[in-house]
C-alpha atoms as a PDB file:
ATOM      1  CA  UNK A   1      -0.010   0.050   0.063  1.00  0.00           C
ATOM      2  CA  UNK A   2       2.584   2.531   0.961  1.00  0.00           C
ATOM      3  CA  UNK A   3       4.640   1.861  -2.227  1.00  0.00           C
ATOM      4  CA  UNK A   4       1.571   2.383  -4.438  1.00  0.00           C
ATOM      5  CA  UNK A   5       2.050   5.668  -6.360  1.00  0.00           C
ATOM      6  CA  UNK A   6      -1.743   5.913  -6.824  1.00  0.00           C
ATOM      7  CA  UNK A   7      -1.935   5.961  -2.994  1.00  0.00           C
ATOM      8  CA  UNK A   8       0.731   8.515  -2.349  1.00  0.00           C
ATOM      9  CA  UNK A   9      -0.468  11.091  -4.833  1.00  0.00           C
ATOM     10  CA  UNK A  10      -4.290  10.589  -3.967  1.00  0.00           C
ATOM     11  CA  UNK A  11      -6.407  12.900  -1.891  1.00  0.00           C
ATOM     12  CA  UNK A  12      -7.424  11.197   1.347  1.00  0.00           C
ATOM     13  CA  UNK A  13     -10.242  11.457   4.021  1.00  0.00           C
ATOM     14  CA  UNK A  14      -8.869   9.849   7.055  1.00  0.00           C
ATOM     15  CA  UNK A  15     -11.090   8.769  10.004  1.00  0.00           C
ATOM     16  CA  UNK A  16     -14.530   7.006  10.423  1.00  0.00           C
ATOM     17  CA  UNK A  17     -16.829  10.099   9.936  1.00  0.00           C
ATOM     18  CA  UNK A  18     -14.775  11.690   7.070  1.00  0.00           C
ATOM     19  CA  UNK A  19     -14.597   8.188   5.250  1.00  0.00           C
ATOM     20  CA  UNK A  20     -18.361   7.386   5.788  1.00  0.00           C
ATOM     21  CA  UNK A  21     -19.192  10.902   4.569  1.00  0.00           C
ATOM     22  CA  UNK A  22     -17.007  10.487   1.422  1.00  0.00           C
ATOM     23  CA  UNK A  23     -18.659   7.153   0.499  1.00  0.00           C
ATOM     24  CA  UNK A  24     -22.189   8.628   1.000  1.00  0.00           C
ATOM     25  CA  UNK A  25     -21.357  11.492  -1.238  1.00  0.00           C
ATOM     26  CA  UNK A  26     -20.058   9.427  -3.939  1.00  0.00           C
ATOM     27  CA  UNK A  27     -16.456  10.835  -3.442  1.00  0.00           C
ATOM     28  CA  UNK A  28     -14.634   7.684  -2.503  1.00  0.00           C
ATOM     29  CA  UNK A  29     -12.930   5.632  -5.032  1.00  0.00           C
ATOM     30  CA  UNK A  30     -11.614   3.037  -2.591  1.00  0.00           C
ATOM     31  CA  UNK A  31     -11.588   2.528   1.117  1.00  0.00           C
ATOM     32  CA  UNK A  32      -9.010   1.249   3.389  1.00  0.00           C
ATOM     33  CA  UNK A  33     -10.146  -0.283   6.715  1.00  0.00           C
ATOM     34  CA  UNK A  34      -7.984  -1.525   9.666  1.00  0.00           C
ATOM     35  CA  UNK A  35      -8.748  -5.119  10.476  1.00  0.00           C
ATOM     36  CA  UNK A  36      -8.239  -4.332  14.274  1.00  0.00           C
ATOM     37  CA  UNK A  37     -10.692  -1.552  14.486  1.00  0.00           C
ATOM     38  CA  UNK A  38     -14.224  -1.899  16.183  1.00  0.00           C
ATOM     39  CA  UNK A  39     -16.153  -4.716  14.411  1.00  0.00           C
ATOM     40  CA  UNK A  40     -19.333  -2.538  14.379  1.00  0.00           C
ATOM     41  CA  UNK A  41     -17.348   0.005  12.378  1.00  0.00           C
ATOM     42  CA  UNK A  42     -16.242  -2.515   9.920  1.00  0.00           C
ATOM     43  CA  UNK A  43     -19.732  -3.851   9.357  1.00  0.00           C
ATOM     44  CA  UNK A  44     -21.103  -0.305   8.838  1.00  0.00           C
ATOM     45  CA  UNK A  45     -18.490   0.716   6.248  1.00  0.00           C
ATOM     46  CA  UNK A  46     -18.600  -2.522   4.442  1.00  0.00           C
ATOM     47  CA  UNK A  47     -22.346  -2.294   4.095  1.00  0.00           C
ATOM     48  CA  UNK A  48     -22.111   1.342   3.052  1.00  0.00           C
ATOM     49  CA  UNK A  49     -19.430   0.480   0.444  1.00  0.00           C
ATOM     50  CA  UNK A  50     -21.385  -2.284  -0.970  1.00  0.00           C
ATOM     51  CA  UNK A  51     -24.482   0.062  -1.336  1.00  0.00           C
ATOM     52  CA  UNK A  52     -22.262   2.582  -3.168  1.00  0.00           C
ATOM     53  CA  UNK A  53     -20.176   0.102  -5.348  1.00  0.00           C
ATOM     54  CA  UNK A  54     -16.782   1.218  -3.521  1.00  0.00           C
ATOM     55  CA  UNK A  55     -13.979  -1.336  -3.274  1.00  0.00           C
ATOM     56  CA  UNK A  56     -12.561  -2.087   0.278  1.00  0.00           C
ATOM     57  CA  UNK A  57      -8.886  -3.014   0.917  1.00  0.00           C
ATOM     58  CA  UNK A  58      -8.099  -4.275   4.507  1.00  0.00           C
ATOM     59  CA  UNK A  59      -4.857  -3.275   6.426  1.00  0.00           C
ATOM     60  CA  UNK A  60      -3.896  -5.391   9.432  1.00  0.00           C
ATOM     61  CA  UNK A  61      -3.672  -2.604  11.944  1.00  0.00           C
ATOM     62  CA  UNK A  62      -4.864   0.935  12.788  1.00  0.00           C
ATOM     63  CA  UNK A  63      -1.212   1.813  13.241  1.00  0.00           C
ATOM     64  CA  UNK A  64      -0.195   0.701   9.810  1.00  0.00           C
ATOM     65  CA  UNK A  65      -3.022   2.506   8.219  1.00  0.00           C
ATOM     66  CA  UNK A  66      -2.159   5.766   9.995  1.00  0.00           C
ATOM     67  CA  UNK A  67       1.377   5.495   8.977  1.00  0.00           C
ATOM     68  CA  UNK A  68       0.434   4.788   5.399  1.00  0.00           C
ATOM     69  CA  UNK A  69      -1.868   8.036   5.578  1.00  0.00           C
ATOM     70  CA  UNK A  70       1.051  10.069   6.851  1.00  0.00           C
ATOM     71  CA  UNK A  71      -0.340  10.646  10.334  1.00  0.00           C
ATOM     72  CA  UNK A  72       1.417   9.750  13.623  1.00  0.00           C
ATOM     73  CA  UNK A  73      -1.639   8.160  15.192  1.00  0.00           C
ATOM     74  CA  UNK A  74      -3.774   5.094  14.139  1.00  0.00           C
ATOM     75  CA  UNK A  75      -6.705   5.238  11.774  1.00  0.00           C
ATOM     76  CA  UNK A  76      -9.572   3.075  11.675  1.00  0.00           C
ATOM     77  CA  UNK A  77     -10.327   3.819   7.933  1.00  0.00           C
ATOM     78  CA  UNK A  78      -9.641   6.155   5.090  1.00  0.00           C
ATOM     79  CA  UNK A  79     -10.910   6.906   1.719  1.00  0.00           C
ATOM     80  CA  UNK A  80      -9.085   7.627  -1.458  1.00  0.00           C
ATOM     81  CA  UNK A  81     -11.002  10.179  -3.246  1.00  0.00           C
ATOM     82  CA  UNK A  82     -11.909  10.245  -6.925  1.00  0.00           C
ATOM     83  CA  UNK A  83      -9.774  12.504  -9.000  1.00  0.00           C
END
């Protein structure tokens, strides 16, 4: 993920609220979800992504997702925005 050029150049929404809003508004091209975040959040975002036809990629931990997003704290999920 971190070596993916598309990911590095992409505009992101980081965090649960921002990610869900991006999916609901049709702005998300792809969503990344940390496998160790709250299972209720995973269920909710998976359902939302299925409804809106957005692909999901799972990342093992919130720490790894946060690092990939360029932040110093963990992130439960993030969305890569459509260009």
